[in-house]
Protein backbone atom coordinates (compact mmCIF):
# COMPACT_ATOMS: atom_id res chain seq x y z
CA MET A 1 7.85 -38.67 10.72
CA TYR A 2 5.20 -37.98 13.36
CA CYS A 3 1.55 -36.98 13.37
CA VAL A 4 0.84 -34.22 15.92
CA PRO A 5 -2.88 -33.57 16.57
CA VAL A 6 -3.80 -29.93 17.11
CA LYS A 7 -7.15 -30.78 18.70
CA ALA A 8 -8.11 -33.01 21.62
CA GLY A 9 -11.40 -34.92 21.67
CA ASP A 10 -12.33 -33.70 25.15
CA ARG A 11 -11.75 -29.93 24.79
CA GLY A 12 -10.93 -28.87 21.24
CA ARG A 13 -7.82 -27.03 20.17
CA LEU A 14 -4.58 -27.60 22.10
CA ASN A 15 -2.99 -24.55 23.69
CA GLU A 16 0.52 -23.36 22.92
CA ASN A 17 2.18 -25.12 25.86
CA GLU A 18 0.51 -28.41 24.98
CA LEU A 19 1.70 -28.20 21.37
CA ALA A 20 5.20 -27.33 22.60
CA ALA A 21 5.12 -30.36 24.88
CA GLN A 22 4.18 -32.61 21.95
CA LEU A 23 7.05 -31.26 19.86
CA LEU A 24 9.51 -31.67 22.72
CA HIS A 25 8.45 -35.30 23.07
CA ILE A 26 9.41 -35.84 19.40
CA LEU A 27 12.72 -34.00 19.77
CA ASN A 28 13.61 -36.18 22.74
CA GLU A 29 12.56 -39.47 21.17
CA ALA A 30 13.64 -39.20 17.53
CA PRO A 31 17.45 -38.94 18.00
CA GLY A 32 17.46 -42.21 19.96
CA LEU A 33 15.82 -44.22 17.17
CA PRO A 34 17.92 -46.45 14.92
CA GLY A 35 18.99 -44.75 11.70
CA THR A 36 17.09 -47.14 9.45
CA GLU A 37 13.83 -45.23 9.09
CA ALA A 38 12.44 -45.29 5.56
CA THR A 39 12.97 -41.87 3.95
CA VAL A 40 9.96 -42.10 1.66
CA GLY A 41 9.66 -38.30 1.47
CA ILE A 42 12.52 -38.25 -1.04
CA LEU A 43 10.17 -39.83 -3.60
CA THR A 44 8.25 -36.53 -3.68
CA THR A 45 11.29 -34.86 -5.30
CA GLU A 46 10.71 -36.83 -8.50
CA PRO A 47 8.87 -35.52 -11.59
CA ARG A 48 5.11 -35.79 -11.18
CA PRO A 49 4.56 -38.94 -13.33
CA LYS A 50 7.24 -40.88 -11.41
CA TRP A 51 6.02 -39.72 -8.01
CA ALA A 52 2.42 -40.61 -8.99
CA ALA A 53 3.53 -44.17 -9.83
CA ASP A 54 5.54 -44.45 -6.59
CA ARG A 55 2.58 -43.17 -4.61
CA GLU A 56 0.36 -45.88 -6.10
CA MET A 57 2.92 -48.50 -5.06
CA LEU A 58 2.99 -47.15 -1.51
CA LEU A 59 -0.80 -47.19 -1.31
CA LEU A 60 -0.85 -50.93 -1.85
CA GLU A 61 0.09 -51.34 1.84
CA GLU A 62 -2.64 -50.38 4.30
CA ARG A 63 -0.24 -48.77 6.76
CA ASN A 64 1.34 -46.64 4.03
CA ALA A 65 -2.08 -45.59 2.75
CA ARG A 66 -3.03 -44.33 6.20
CA ASN A 67 0.27 -42.44 6.54
CA ILE A 68 -0.23 -40.73 3.18
CA GLU A 69 -3.79 -39.77 4.10
CA LEU A 70 -2.54 -38.22 7.37
CA ILE A 71 0.15 -36.24 5.52
CA GLU A 72 -2.11 -35.07 2.71
CA THR A 73 -4.91 -33.95 5.05
CA ALA A 74 -2.58 -32.30 7.60
CA LEU A 75 -2.71 -28.53 8.03
CA VAL A 76 1.03 -28.17 7.50
CA VAL A 77 4.29 -30.13 7.51
CA VAL A 78 6.93 -28.97 10.00
CA CYS A 79 10.51 -30.02 9.19
CA VAL A 80 13.05 -29.88 12.01
CA ASP A 81 16.53 -29.70 10.44
CA GLU A 82 20.16 -29.68 11.33
CA PRO A 83 21.89 -26.84 9.39
CA ILE A 84 23.56 -27.81 6.12
CA PRO A 85 27.35 -27.14 6.15
CA LEU A 86 28.53 -23.53 5.93
CA SER A 87 30.62 -24.40 2.88
CA TYR A 88 27.65 -25.90 1.07
CA ASN A 89 27.76 -25.31 -2.70
CA ALA A 90 30.43 -22.67 -2.20
CA ARG A 91 31.33 -22.59 -5.91
CA GLY A 92 28.11 -20.73 -6.54
CA PHE A 93 29.00 -17.89 -4.18
CA ASN A 94 32.58 -17.11 -5.17
CA GLY A 95 33.19 -13.69 -6.65
CA SER A 96 29.93 -12.18 -5.45
CA PRO A 97 29.44 -8.48 -6.33
CA ALA A 98 29.57 -7.10 -2.82
CA GLY A 99 30.12 -10.09 -0.54
CA ALA A 100 27.52 -12.32 1.04
CA HIS A 101 25.07 -11.13 3.66
CA TYR A 102 25.35 -13.16 6.86
CA ALA A 103 22.85 -13.90 9.60
CA GLY A 104 23.75 -16.01 12.61
CA GLY A 105 27.00 -17.24 11.01
CA ARG A 106 25.36 -18.49 7.79
CA ASP A 107 25.17 -16.58 4.53
CA GLU A 108 21.71 -16.11 3.07
CA SER A 109 22.43 -18.20 -0.01
CA ASN A 110 23.24 -21.16 2.24
CA MET A 111 19.97 -20.64 4.14
CA ALA A 112 18.02 -20.42 0.88
CA HIS A 113 19.45 -23.77 -0.28
CA GLU A 114 18.25 -25.28 3.00
CA MET A 115 14.72 -24.01 2.39
CA ILE A 116 14.49 -24.89 -1.31
CA HIS A 117 15.79 -28.45 -1.24
CA GLY A 118 17.41 -29.30 2.10
CA GLY A 119 20.94 -29.96 0.85
CA GLY A 120 20.57 -33.41 -0.73
CA SER A 121 20.02 -36.99 0.36
CA ALA A 122 22.93 -36.85 2.83
CA TYR A 123 21.39 -33.86 4.61
CA ASN A 124 17.77 -32.73 4.92
CA THR A 125 16.14 -33.51 1.57
CA PRO A 126 14.68 -36.78 2.97
CA ASN A 127 13.20 -34.66 5.78
CA ARG A 128 10.64 -33.15 3.38
CA TRP A 129 7.32 -33.90 1.68
CA PHE A 130 7.50 -31.75 -1.44
CA ASP A 131 3.95 -32.58 -2.51
CA LYS A 132 2.61 -30.64 0.48
CA THR A 133 1.44 -27.06 -0.02
CA MET A 134 3.24 -25.69 3.05
CA GLN A 135 6.38 -26.95 4.75
CA LEU A 136 7.67 -24.89 7.65
CA ILE A 137 11.39 -25.56 8.10
CA ILE A 138 13.06 -24.86 11.43
CA CYS A 139 16.80 -25.42 11.97
CA SER A 140 18.52 -26.04 15.28
CA ASP A 141 20.57 -22.83 14.84
CA GLY A 142 17.41 -20.69 14.67
CA THR A 143 17.23 -20.33 10.89
CA TRP A 144 13.70 -20.86 9.64
CA GLY A 145 11.61 -20.44 6.54
CA LEU A 146 9.30 -22.38 4.28
CA CYS A 147 9.12 -24.39 1.11
CA TYR A 148 5.78 -24.28 -0.65
CA GLU A 149 4.30 -26.16 -3.58
CA HIS A 150 3.22 -23.67 -6.22
CA SER A 151 0.14 -25.36 -7.72
CA PRO A 152 -2.46 -24.20 -5.15
CA SER A 153 -1.16 -20.70 -4.43
CA GLU A 154 0.83 -17.69 -5.55
CA GLY A 155 3.81 -16.49 -3.55
CA ILE A 156 2.14 -13.31 -2.34
CA ALA A 157 -0.70 -15.26 -0.67
CA VAL A 158 1.82 -17.44 1.18
CA VAL A 159 3.84 -14.39 2.24
CA GLN A 160 0.73 -12.67 3.59
CA LEU A 161 -0.20 -15.79 5.54
CA LEU A 162 3.23 -16.06 7.17
CA GLU A 163 3.49 -12.35 7.90
CA GLY A 164 0.04 -12.46 9.52
CA ILE A 165 1.26 -15.29 11.76
CA LEU A 166 4.42 -13.36 12.65
CA LYS A 167 2.37 -10.29 13.52
CA ARG A 168 0.17 -12.31 15.89
CA ILE A 169 3.24 -13.87 17.52
CA ASP A 170 4.81 -10.44 18.08
CA GLU A 171 1.60 -9.10 19.58
CA ALA A 172 1.00 -12.09 21.88
CA PRO A 173 2.22 -11.97 25.48
CA ALA A 174 5.27 -14.08 26.33
CA LYS A 175 4.49 -17.56 27.62
CA ASP A 176 6.20 -19.16 30.59
CA GLY A 177 7.17 -22.81 30.75
CA THR A 178 10.53 -24.54 31.04
CA THR A 179 11.39 -27.62 29.04
CA LYS A 180 11.01 -29.76 32.16
CA GLU A 181 7.55 -28.33 32.90
CA LEU A 182 6.44 -28.86 29.30
CA LEU A 183 7.56 -32.49 29.38
CA GLN A 184 5.68 -33.02 32.62
CA LEU A 185 2.62 -31.48 30.98
CA GLN A 186 2.93 -33.91 28.08
CA GLN A 187 3.35 -36.90 30.35
CA SER A 188 0.42 -35.93 32.57
CA HIS A 189 -2.57 -36.16 30.24
CA LEU A 190 -1.68 -36.02 26.53
CA PRO A 191 -1.15 -39.18 24.46
CA PRO A 192 2.25 -39.07 22.72
CA PRO A 193 2.41 -38.08 19.04
CA GLU A 194 2.10 -40.99 16.66
CA ARG A 195 5.25 -42.03 14.80
CA LEU A 196 4.55 -42.95 11.17
CA GLU A 197 6.18 -46.21 10.17
CA TRP A 198 6.30 -47.43 6.58
CA THR A 199 6.21 -50.78 4.84
CA VAL A 200 8.82 -50.62 2.11
CA ARG A 201 8.77 -53.26 -0.60
CA PRO A 202 11.98 -54.05 -2.55
CA GLU A 203 10.77 -52.07 -5.57
CA ILE A 204 10.21 -49.03 -3.34
CA GLU A 205 13.71 -49.45 -1.88
CA ARG A 206 15.08 -49.36 -5.42
CA ARG A 207 13.06 -46.25 -6.22
CA LEU A 208 14.33 -44.55 -3.03
CA ARG A 209 17.93 -45.05 -4.20
CA GLU A 210 17.12 -43.80 -7.70
CA ALA A 211 15.28 -40.74 -6.36
CA ALA A 212 18.21 -39.90 -4.06
CA ARG A 213 20.71 -40.01 -6.94
CA SER A 214 18.40 -37.97 -9.16
CA VAL A 215 17.71 -35.19 -6.67
CA ASP A 216 21.39 -34.99 -5.66
CA ARG A 217 22.34 -34.37 -9.30
CA ARG A 218 19.76 -31.61 -9.64
CA ILE A 219 20.73 -29.98 -6.35
CA GLU A 220 24.41 -30.04 -7.31
CA ASP A 221 23.44 -28.25 -10.53
CA LEU A 222 21.58 -25.38 -8.84
CA ASP A 223 23.52 -22.10 -8.93
CA PHE A 224 21.64 -19.93 -6.44
CA TYR A 225 22.70 -16.56 -5.06
CA VAL A 226 20.92 -14.19 -2.66
CA TYR A 227 22.17 -10.69 -3.48
CA ARG A 228 21.41 -7.54 -1.52
CA TYR A 229 21.86 -4.36 -3.53
CA LYS A 230 22.52 -1.75 -0.83
CA PRO A 231 23.26 1.64 -2.50
CA TYR A 232 19.54 2.49 -2.72
CA GLY A 233 16.03 1.06 -2.69
CA LYS A 234 12.48 2.05 -3.55
CA ASN A 235 12.71 5.45 -1.81
CA PHE A 236 15.18 6.69 -4.44
CA ILE A 237 13.23 5.03 -7.27
CA LYS A 238 9.98 6.72 -6.22
CA ALA A 239 11.84 10.04 -6.05
CA CYS A 240 12.60 9.49 -9.76
CA GLN A 241 8.83 9.25 -10.32
CA VAL A 242 9.05 5.64 -11.50
CA SER A 243 7.28 2.54 -10.22
CA PRO A 244 9.85 0.41 -8.33
CA ASP A 245 8.66 -2.72 -10.16
CA VAL A 246 8.99 -1.07 -13.57
CA TYR A 247 12.43 0.28 -12.65
CA ILE A 248 13.74 -3.11 -11.49
CA GLN A 249 12.34 -4.87 -14.55
CA LEU A 250 14.26 -2.46 -16.79
CA ALA A 251 17.39 -3.01 -14.68
CA LEU A 252 17.03 -6.77 -15.31
CA GLN A 253 16.72 -6.13 -19.05
CA LEU A 254 19.80 -3.92 -19.03
CA ALA A 255 21.76 -6.48 -17.00
CA TYR A 256 20.89 -9.22 -19.50
CA TYR A 257 21.71 -7.04 -22.53
CA LYS A 258 25.00 -6.03 -20.96
CA LEU A 259 26.04 -9.68 -20.67
CA TYR A 260 24.69 -11.07 -23.95
CA GLY A 261 24.09 -8.18 -26.36
CA HIS A 262 20.40 -9.01 -26.90
CA LEU A 263 17.15 -9.39 -24.98
CA VAL A 264 15.14 -12.59 -24.49
CA SER A 265 11.57 -13.60 -23.68
CA THR A 266 11.03 -12.45 -20.12
CA TYR A 267 8.32 -13.61 -17.75
CA GLU A 268 7.11 -11.41 -14.92
CA SER A 269 4.11 -12.64 -12.96
CA ALA A 270 1.10 -10.32 -12.99
CA SER A 271 -1.53 -11.04 -10.37
CA THR A 272 -5.04 -11.61 -11.73
CA ARG A 273 -6.48 -12.45 -8.31
CA ARG A 274 -9.21 -9.83 -8.79
CA PHE A 275 -10.92 -12.32 -11.12
CA LEU A 276 -12.72 -15.52 -10.09
CA HIS A 277 -10.13 -18.33 -10.04
CA GLY A 278 -7.56 -15.78 -11.20
CA ARG A 279 -3.90 -16.60 -10.67
CA VAL A 280 -1.32 -14.86 -12.87
CA ASP A 281 -0.70 -13.69 -16.40
CA CYS A 282 2.66 -12.84 -17.95
CA ILE A 283 4.09 -9.32 -18.17
CA ARG A 284 6.53 -9.46 -21.08
CA SER A 285 9.28 -7.02 -20.18
CA ALA A 286 11.47 -7.43 -23.28
CA SER A 287 9.91 -4.61 -25.29
CA MET A 288 11.34 -2.76 -28.28
CA GLU A 289 11.52 0.34 -26.10
CA ALA A 290 13.58 -1.53 -23.48
CA LEU A 291 15.89 -2.81 -26.23
CA GLU A 292 16.50 0.67 -27.68
CA TRP A 293 17.29 2.05 -24.23
CA ALA A 294 19.62 -0.85 -23.34
CA LYS A 295 21.46 -0.45 -26.66
CA ALA A 296 21.95 3.23 -26.02
CA MET A 297 23.13 2.66 -22.44
CA CYS A 298 25.75 0.24 -23.75
CA GLN A 299 26.63 2.53 -26.65
CA GLY A 300 25.98 -0.24 -29.15
CA GLU A 301 29.13 -2.13 -28.19
CA GLY A 302 27.36 -5.47 -27.63
CA PRO A 303 27.85 -7.91 -24.77
CA ASN A 304 30.11 -7.56 -21.74
CA VAL A 305 30.31 -3.80 -22.01
CA THR A 306 31.30 -1.64 -19.06
CA LEU A 307 28.58 0.96 -18.67
CA GLU A 308 29.63 4.57 -18.83
CA SER A 309 29.05 6.85 -15.86
CA ASP A 310 30.25 10.30 -14.86
CA LYS A 311 34.07 10.49 -14.80
CA GLU A 312 36.41 13.02 -13.26
CA ASP A 313 38.10 13.82 -16.59
CA ASP A 314 38.54 17.40 -17.81
CA TYR A 315 35.90 18.06 -20.42
CA SER A 316 35.90 20.83 -22.95
CA ALA A 317 32.75 22.95 -23.13
CA GLU A 318 31.83 21.18 -26.36
CA ALA A 319 32.30 17.74 -24.81
CA ALA A 320 30.30 18.72 -21.75
CA THR A 321 27.42 19.90 -23.95
CA ALA A 322 27.53 16.62 -25.89
CA ASP A 323 27.49 14.70 -22.62
CA VAL A 324 24.41 16.58 -21.41
CA LYS A 325 22.62 15.90 -24.69
CA LYS A 326 23.55 12.24 -24.50
CA LYS A 327 22.16 11.97 -20.97
CA ASP A 328 18.98 13.77 -21.97
CA HIS A 329 18.57 11.30 -24.83
CA LEU A 330 19.15 8.32 -22.54
CA ARG A 331 16.64 9.68 -20.03
CA GLU A 332 14.05 10.08 -22.78
CA LEU A 333 14.63 6.50 -23.96
CA PHE A 334 14.30 5.35 -20.35
CA ARG A 335 11.00 7.19 -19.91
CA CYS A 336 9.66 5.59 -23.11
CA ALA A 337 10.73 2.13 -21.91
CA ALA A 338 9.20 2.76 -18.47
CA ALA A 339 5.94 3.96 -20.01
CA ARG A 340 5.72 0.85 -22.19
CA GLN A 341 6.49 -1.45 -19.24
CA THR A 342 3.80 0.30 -17.16
CA GLU A 343 1.28 -0.06 -19.97
CA VAL A 344 1.90 -3.81 -20.36
CA MET A 345 1.77 -4.31 -16.58
CA VAL A 346 -1.60 -2.54 -16.26
CA GLN A 347 -3.06 -4.44 -19.24
CA ASN A 348 -2.14 -7.77 -17.62
CA ILE A 349 -3.50 -6.92 -14.18
CA LEU A 350 -6.81 -5.86 -15.78
CA GLY A 351 -7.09 -9.13 -17.71
CA TYR A 352 -5.88 -7.95 -21.13
CA GLY A 353 -2.70 -10.00 -21.24
CA ILE A 354 -2.11 -12.48 -24.07
CA ASP A 355 -0.58 -15.55 -22.44
CA ILE A 356 -3.47 -17.00 -20.43
CA HIS A 357 -5.84 -16.47 -23.35
CA LEU A 358 -3.44 -18.23 -25.73
CA LEU A 359 -3.00 -21.04 -23.20
CA GLY A 360 -6.78 -21.49 -23.05
CA LEU A 361 -7.02 -21.59 -26.84
CA ARG A 362 -4.14 -24.07 -27.05
CA GLU A 363 -5.74 -26.49 -24.57
CA ALA A 364 -9.19 -26.10 -26.15
CA CYS A 365 -7.60 -26.88 -29.53
CA ARG A 366 -5.94 -29.98 -28.09
CA GLU A 367 -9.23 -31.22 -26.57
CA ARG A 368 -11.50 -30.47 -29.55
CA GLU A 369 -9.25 -31.22 -32.50
CA GLY A 370 -6.75 -33.70 -31.08
CA THR A 371 -4.01 -31.88 -32.99
CA MET A 372 -2.39 -28.50 -32.46
CA HIS A 373 -3.16 -25.49 -34.64
CA GLU A 374 -0.15 -24.32 -36.62
CA LEU A 375 0.05 -21.18 -34.45
CA PHE A 376 1.12 -23.32 -31.48
CA THR A 377 3.72 -25.31 -33.43
CA ASP A 378 5.28 -22.25 -35.05
CA GLU A 379 8.91 -21.59 -34.12
CA CYS A 380 8.09 -18.02 -33.09
CA TYR A 381 5.54 -19.28 -30.55
CA LYS A 382 8.13 -21.68 -29.10
CA ILE A 383 10.74 -18.92 -28.79
CA ALA A 384 8.23 -16.53 -27.23
CA ASN A 385 7.40 -19.13 -24.56
CA CYS A 386 10.95 -20.15 -23.72
CA PHE A 387 11.52 -17.78 -20.81
CA LEU A 388 15.28 -17.42 -20.40
CA LEU A 389 14.56 -14.75 -17.79
CA SER A 390 11.81 -15.68 -15.31
CA THR A 391 11.13 -12.94 -12.77
CA SER A 392 8.69 -11.82 -10.11
CA GLN A 393 8.38 -9.29 -7.34
CA VAL A 394 7.64 -10.96 -4.00
CA ALA A 395 7.40 -8.05 -1.59
CA CYS A 396 7.79 -8.85 2.11
CA SER A 397 7.38 -6.32 4.89
CA THR A 398 9.84 -8.35 6.97
CA ASN A 399 13.54 -8.69 6.24
CA SER A 400 13.02 -11.88 4.26
CA PHE A 401 12.94 -13.09 0.67
CA MET A 402 11.51 -15.79 -1.59
CA GLY A 403 13.33 -17.49 -4.45
CA TYR A 404 13.07 -20.26 -7.03
CA GLY A 405 15.08 -21.95 -9.74
CA PRO A 406 15.20 -21.21 -13.49
CA VAL A 407 12.46 -22.62 -15.72
CA THR A 408 14.72 -23.50 -18.67
CA PRO A 409 18.15 -25.19 -18.82
CA HIS A 410 19.96 -22.05 -20.04
CA GLY A 411 17.83 -19.50 -18.20
CA TYR A 412 17.81 -17.39 -15.05
CA GLY A 413 15.35 -17.12 -12.20
CA ALA A 414 15.25 -13.67 -10.62
CA SER A 415 12.85 -12.77 -7.82
CA TYR A 416 13.21 -9.47 -5.98
CA ASN A 417 11.99 -7.70 -2.88
CA PRO A 418 12.39 -3.90 -2.88
CA HIS A 419 12.89 -2.31 0.54
CA PRO A 420 13.11 1.46 1.22
CA ASN A 421 16.92 1.53 1.08
CA GLU A 422 17.97 -1.77 -0.50
CA ILE A 423 16.74 -4.42 -2.93
CA ILE A 424 17.04 -8.16 -2.25
CA PHE A 425 17.45 -10.39 -5.31
CA CYS A 426 17.35 -14.19 -5.47
CA ILE A 427 19.17 -15.11 -8.67
CA SER A 428 19.37 -18.67 -9.93
CA ALA A 429 20.88 -20.54 -12.85
CA PHE A 430 22.28 -24.01 -13.60
CA PHE A 431 25.98 -24.87 -13.40
CA THR A 432 25.64 -27.28 -16.33
CA SER A 433 24.78 -24.37 -18.63
CA ASP A 434 27.83 -22.81 -20.27
CA LYS A 435 25.79 -19.66 -20.90
CA THR A 436 24.69 -18.63 -17.39
CA SER A 437 26.15 -17.70 -14.00
CA ALA A 438 24.16 -16.36 -11.04
CA SER A 439 27.08 -14.38 -9.61
CA ARG A 440 27.98 -12.93 -13.02
CA PHE A 441 24.39 -11.85 -13.56
CA ALA A 442 24.39 -10.26 -10.09
CA ARG A 443 27.51 -8.26 -10.97
CA SER A 444 25.88 -7.09 -14.21
CA LEU A 445 22.75 -6.17 -12.27
CA GLN A 446 24.84 -4.17 -9.81
CA ASP A 447 26.50 -2.27 -12.68
CA SER A 448 23.11 -1.64 -14.28
CA LEU A 449 21.49 -0.30 -11.10
CA ASP A 450 24.53 1.93 -10.48
CA ALA A 451 24.34 3.31 -14.02
CA MET A 452 20.60 3.97 -13.73
CA ARG A 453 21.16 5.91 -10.50
CA ASP A 454 23.84 8.02 -12.22
CA LEU A 455 21.53 8.61 -15.18
CA LEU A 456 18.50 9.69 -13.17
CA SER A 457 20.10 11.50 -10.21
């Protein structure tokens, strides 16, 4: 770990070549160091109470306290990685709906694992500080992305920040400077970056080993799949006079119903940034209207049903008329479901959602009364807040995506990024659950989107 200043006392902010020279100094020095450096960053993978206790232990040493202050006050953490193996976590990618999408020899699911957790204690997970808001991760094969800590910011704000940086890079003129010249620049007048060294007590050494085992178990359990649906994107959806977000939310409901024969509490983030200190409320997509439509699409046959679409069979005139009526009925149910989803979405964005208000009441009740009101201990409230399907649209103008893990042991995470002619999904589950599978959900989602295109074309 190194501290790289971005300002110099004699002239202010360093220019691009000077920063590049500082980074090159690190890249030249670090590989020659003995492989005994304390990997204290792995402690930040632990649950918050454990990491808080470990942090207090580290702060007992003056040198560690200074290191932590430098990290916590830094603008950003930059992690320089070696790529995790191409075969990494391959069991999660077998049987994908339409094959993996590759970039530079690595499939996108592999790259996403690198960004989310780094691959485990044997790979790049110790090369992180997960308590930091922004970590830019750059691999030696050119893959890059970020891992961000959710507490201070929503995904869309982070995306806009990064896309603004990319835009400025693209607009800037190309800079000259060979590696040799940059090193000479560094040696001429800049002090070298400071390497952060740690004092590790025996109890911290023990905690490092425990944290490594713990995070490796959780990483091994993550079933994560980046799926690009290519038959169509938001251009077709808009031509159907439906909001792309509403359309995709209904596709997720249909995909879940198709697998399990019922709907579940679904979370979709609704931005409330128009309000002071506003973050998000919860759009609940599992409506009665969505259920009636999903039932009709699956013809009431329950879970694991193959959806019907147009077939090349010879129909009698009577059968053809019945088929038209059936499609008209399904379209009407879809329009009702879409209207309901739109209504709930607008209510949330305008501050009329229920979840943040209930959360405020729950915490006020806890503070004032010391005990919970029966509303918040009722079984229905618990079921309503166990989100087995946690979703969000994270739209990027670039060809990128953002993903996350499930929020419950038997749930799915599903973020999506609609492009004009394709939709990128990041689907996650846990291997230890006997109820979920990211690749199986992706196949059901593919079938659902295909059926919706056939219905609305």
